């Protein structure tokens, strides 16, 4: 459902750039949302065709408002209400970051040894080294 007037924080939450509306409002308060290079407040009324630069934890978005949305919907529906016009160099930077990002989780088949690996290791350690007194 679209309306005539909608607050910026509500819109950013509805199109799923932020998980909560308060996170969207905080981003506006911390100058992470800009309209034509100027910081905007969470209560700013948006209209069709506005272009916003939004910094989230994951990436820096440049979005153009193509429809007004006042409630949260599925992602597949939400993407119809904005167009992502993020510059290609920003997308390249994000992809490079993702390539070098280490999650700290171990990769499949690596890490802790299995029971069989432990038995093989014990057999190896028992027989090959002389024990000196």
C-alpha atoms as a PDB file:
ATOM      1  CA  UNK A   1       0.000   0.000   0.000  1.00  0.00           C
ATOM      2  CA  UNK A   2       1.465   3.357  -0.907  1.00  0.00           C
ATOM      3  CA  UNK A   3       0.577   6.721   0.576  1.00  0.00           C
ATOM      4  CA  UNK A   4       1.056  10.373  -0.320  1.00  0.00           C
ATOM      5  CA  UNK A   5       3.346  11.313   2.579  1.00  0.00           C
ATOM      6  CA  UNK A   6       5.819   9.087   4.358  1.00  0.00           C
ATOM      7  CA  UNK A   7       8.670   9.641   6.791  1.00  0.00           C
ATOM      8  CA  UNK A   8      12.192   8.759   5.677  1.00  0.00           C
ATOM      9  CA  UNK A   9      12.926   6.425   8.611  1.00  0.00           C
ATOM     10  CA  UNK A  10       9.702   4.507   8.012  1.00  0.00           C
ATOM     11  CA  UNK A  11      10.493   4.172   4.299  1.00  0.00           C
ATOM     12  CA  UNK A  12      14.067   2.930   4.895  1.00  0.00           C
ATOM     13  CA  UNK A  13      12.713   0.366   7.346  1.00  0.00           C
ATOM     14  CA  UNK A  14       9.912  -0.698   4.982  1.00  0.00           C
ATOM     15  CA  UNK A  15      12.266  -1.320   2.035  1.00  0.00           C
ATOM     16  CA  UNK A  16      14.458  -3.409   4.355  1.00  0.00           C
ATOM     17  CA  UNK A  17      17.655  -1.350   4.432  1.00  0.00           C
ATOM     18  CA  UNK A  18      17.422  -1.453   8.234  1.00  0.00           C
ATOM     19  CA  UNK A  19      16.057  -4.189  10.509  1.00  0.00           C
ATOM     20  CA  UNK A  20      14.206  -1.785  12.783  1.00  0.00           C
ATOM     21  CA  UNK A  21      12.696   1.635  12.394  1.00  0.00           C
ATOM     22  CA  UNK A  22      14.756   2.930  15.314  1.00  0.00           C
ATOM     23  CA  UNK A  23      17.955   1.818  13.531  1.00  0.00           C
ATOM     24  CA  UNK A  24      16.829   3.817  10.494  1.00  0.00           C
ATOM     25  CA  UNK A  25      16.153   6.864  12.688  1.00  0.00           C
ATOM     26  CA  UNK A  26      19.559   6.469  14.390  1.00  0.00           C
ATOM     27  CA  UNK A  27      21.263   6.389  10.993  1.00  0.00           C
ATOM     28  CA  UNK A  28      19.561   9.692  10.133  1.00  0.00           C
ATOM     29  CA  UNK A  29      20.603  11.188  13.478  1.00  0.00           C
ATOM     30  CA  UNK A  30      24.209  10.069  12.959  1.00  0.00           C
ATOM     31  CA  UNK A  31      24.356  11.712   9.501  1.00  0.00           C
ATOM     32  CA  UNK A  32      24.502   8.416   7.600  1.00  0.00           C
ATOM     33  CA  UNK A  33      21.614   9.362   5.301  1.00  0.00           C
ATOM     34  CA  UNK A  34      22.046  12.184   2.791  1.00  0.00           C
ATOM     35  CA  UNK A  35      19.829  13.816   0.175  1.00  0.00           C
ATOM     36  CA  UNK A  36      21.803  15.731  -2.482  1.00  0.00           C
ATOM     37  CA  UNK A  37      24.844  15.756  -0.193  1.00  0.00           C
ATOM     38  CA  UNK A  38      22.954  17.216   2.783  1.00  0.00           C
ATOM     39  CA  UNK A  39      22.164  15.339   5.988  1.00  0.00           C
ATOM     40  CA  UNK A  40      18.478  14.656   6.492  1.00  0.00           C
ATOM     41  CA  UNK A  41      16.352  14.060   9.576  1.00  0.00           C
ATOM     42  CA  UNK A  42      14.285  10.921  10.156  1.00  0.00           C
ATOM     43  CA  UNK A  43      11.032  12.905   9.925  1.00  0.00           C
ATOM     44  CA  UNK A  44      11.796  14.212   6.412  1.00  0.00           C
ATOM     45  CA  UNK A  45       8.883  13.625   4.051  1.00  0.00           C
ATOM     46  CA  UNK A  46      10.070  11.834   0.940  1.00  0.00           C
ATOM     47  CA  UNK A  47       8.667  11.924  -2.573  1.00  0.00           C
ATOM     48  CA  UNK A  48       9.059   9.941  -5.784  1.00  0.00           C
ATOM     49  CA  UNK A  49      12.359  10.501  -7.560  1.00  0.00           C
ATOM     50  CA  UNK A  50      14.364  11.452  -4.445  1.00  0.00           C
ATOM     51  CA  UNK A  51      17.882   9.998  -4.388  1.00  0.00           C
ATOM     52  CA  UNK A  52      19.406   9.116  -1.037  1.00  0.00           C
ATOM     53  CA  UNK A  53      22.896   8.031  -0.056  1.00  0.00           C
ATOM     54  CA  UNK A  54      22.583   5.609   2.855  1.00  0.00           C
ATOM     55  CA  UNK A  55      25.453   4.090   4.827  1.00  0.00           C
ATOM     56  CA  UNK A  56      24.605   0.796   6.510  1.00  0.00           C
ATOM     57  CA  UNK A  57      26.946  -1.629   8.249  1.00  0.00           C
ATOM     58  CA  UNK A  58      27.218  -3.707   5.104  1.00  0.00           C
ATOM     59  CA  UNK A  59      27.557  -1.121   2.348  1.00  0.00           C
ATOM     60  CA  UNK A  60      26.977   2.399   1.111  1.00  0.00           C
ATOM     61  CA  UNK A  61      23.763   2.485  -0.898  1.00  0.00           C
ATOM     62  CA  UNK A  62      22.608   5.067  -3.407  1.00  0.00           C
ATOM     63  CA  UNK A  63      18.895   4.539  -3.897  1.00  0.00           C
ATOM     64  CA  UNK A  64      16.217   6.261  -5.915  1.00  0.00           C
ATOM     65  CA  UNK A  65      12.645   6.263  -4.618  1.00  0.00           C
ATOM     66  CA  UNK A  66      10.377   4.665  -7.235  1.00  0.00           C
ATOM     67  CA  UNK A  67       7.376   4.030  -4.990  1.00  0.00           C
ATOM     68  CA  UNK A  68       6.200   4.959  -1.505  1.00  0.00           C
ATOM     69  CA  UNK A  69       5.862   2.119   0.985  1.00  0.00           C
ATOM     70  CA  UNK A  70       4.599   2.643   4.538  1.00  0.00           C
ATOM     71  CA  UNK A  71       4.730  -0.904   5.915  1.00  0.00           C
ATOM     72  CA  UNK A  72       7.270  -3.701   5.875  1.00  0.00           C
ATOM     73  CA  UNK A  73       6.789  -6.345   3.184  1.00  0.00           C
ATOM     74  CA  UNK A  74       8.751  -9.295   1.823  1.00  0.00           C
ATOM     75  CA  UNK A  75      12.118  -8.508   0.236  1.00  0.00           C
ATOM     76  CA  UNK A  76      10.839  -9.590  -3.191  1.00  0.00           C
ATOM     77  CA  UNK A  77       8.090  -6.961  -2.909  1.00  0.00           C
ATOM     78  CA  UNK A  78      10.197  -4.270  -1.202  1.00  0.00           C
ATOM     79  CA  UNK A  79      12.756  -4.071  -4.035  1.00  0.00           C
ATOM     80  CA  UNK A  80      10.008  -2.815  -6.347  1.00  0.00           C
ATOM     81  CA  UNK A  81       9.791   0.457  -4.385  1.00  0.00           C
ATOM     82  CA  UNK A  82      13.359   1.654  -4.994  1.00  0.00           C
ATOM     83  CA  UNK A  83      16.110   1.321  -7.555  1.00  0.00           C
ATOM     84  CA  UNK A  84      19.678   0.699  -6.468  1.00  0.00           C
ATOM     85  CA  UNK A  85      21.919   3.173  -8.316  1.00  0.00           C
ATOM     86  CA  UNK A  86      25.045   2.505  -6.248  1.00  0.00           C
ATOM     87  CA  UNK A  87      28.177   3.346  -8.274  1.00  0.00           C
ATOM     88  CA  UNK A  88      30.077   0.314  -9.649  1.00  0.00           C
ATOM     89  CA  UNK A  89      33.291   1.211  -7.780  1.00  0.00           C
ATOM     90  CA  UNK A  90      31.434   0.879  -4.455  1.00  0.00           C
ATOM     91  CA  UNK A  91      30.143  -2.540  -5.493  1.00  0.00           C
ATOM     92  CA  UNK A  92      33.696  -3.575  -6.457  1.00  0.00           C
ATOM     93  CA  UNK A  93      34.980  -2.431  -3.054  1.00  0.00           C
ATOM     94  CA  UNK A  94      32.339  -4.526  -1.287  1.00  0.00           C
ATOM     95  CA  UNK A  95      33.162  -7.586  -3.372  1.00  0.00           C
ATOM     96  CA  UNK A  96      36.863  -7.186  -2.603  1.00  0.00           C
ATOM     97  CA  UNK A  97      36.064  -6.885   1.105  1.00  0.00           C
ATOM     98  CA  UNK A  98      33.962 -10.036   0.957  1.00  0.00           C
ATOM     99  CA  UNK A  99      36.779 -11.921  -0.747  1.00  0.00           C
ATOM    100  CA  UNK A 100      39.293 -11.121   1.981  1.00  0.00           C
ATOM    101  CA  UNK A 101      36.876 -11.229   4.915  1.00  0.00           C
ATOM    102  CA  UNK A 102      37.599 -13.990   7.420  1.00  0.00           C
ATOM    103  CA  UNK A 103      34.569 -15.153   9.394  1.00  0.00           C
ATOM    104  CA  UNK A 104      36.604 -17.069  11.951  1.00  0.00           C
ATOM    105  CA  UNK A 105      34.653 -20.235  11.196  1.00  0.00           C
ATOM    106  CA  UNK A 106      36.572 -23.261  10.054  1.00  0.00           C
ATOM    107  CA  UNK A 107      36.204 -24.502   6.532  1.00  0.00           C
ATOM    108  CA  UNK A 108      34.582 -27.845   5.825  1.00  0.00           C
ATOM    109  CA  UNK A 109      36.900 -30.850   6.287  1.00  0.00           C
ATOM    110  CA  UNK A 110      39.478 -28.753   8.128  1.00  0.00           C
ATOM    111  CA  UNK A 111      39.936 -28.116  11.825  1.00  0.00           C
ATOM    112  CA  UNK A 112      39.370 -30.601  14.591  1.00  0.00           C
ATOM    113  CA  UNK A 113      40.544 -34.130  13.843  1.00  0.00           C
ATOM    114  CA  UNK A 114      38.058 -36.978  13.642  1.00  0.00           C
ATOM    115  CA  UNK A 115      38.313 -40.102  15.800  1.00  0.00           C
ATOM    116  CA  UNK A 116      40.104 -41.872  12.976  1.00  0.00           C
ATOM    117  CA  UNK A 117      42.578 -39.000  12.643  1.00  0.00           C
ATOM    118  CA  UNK A 118      43.254 -39.153  16.404  1.00  0.00           C
ATOM    119  CA  UNK A 119      43.880 -42.918  16.304  1.00  0.00           C
ATOM    120  CA  UNK A 120      46.232 -42.519  13.351  1.00  0.00           C
ATOM    121  CA  UNK A 121      48.059 -39.748  15.166  1.00  0.00           C
ATOM    122  CA  UNK A 122      48.356 -41.833  18.358  1.00  0.00           C
ATOM    123  CA  UNK A 123      49.737 -44.807  16.364  1.00  0.00           C
ATOM    124  CA  UNK A 124      52.225 -42.514  14.678  1.00  0.00           C
ATOM    125  CA  UNK A 125      53.373 -40.950  17.955  1.00  0.00           C
ATOM    126  CA  UNK A 126      53.775 -44.286  19.808  1.00  0.00           C
ATOM    127  CA  UNK A 127      56.182 -46.162  17.629  1.00  0.00           C
ATOM    128  CA  UNK A 128      58.543 -43.783  15.877  1.00  0.00           C
ATOM    129  CA  UNK A 129      60.278 -41.826  18.628  1.00  0.00           C
ATOM    130  CA  UNK A 130      62.687 -43.322  21.146  1.00  0.00           C
ATOM    131  CA  UNK A 131      62.030 -42.305  24.697  1.00  0.00           C
ATOM    132  CA  UNK A 132      65.170 -41.129  26.456  1.00  0.00           C
ATOM    133  CA  UNK A 133      65.470 -41.268  30.257  1.00  0.00           C
END
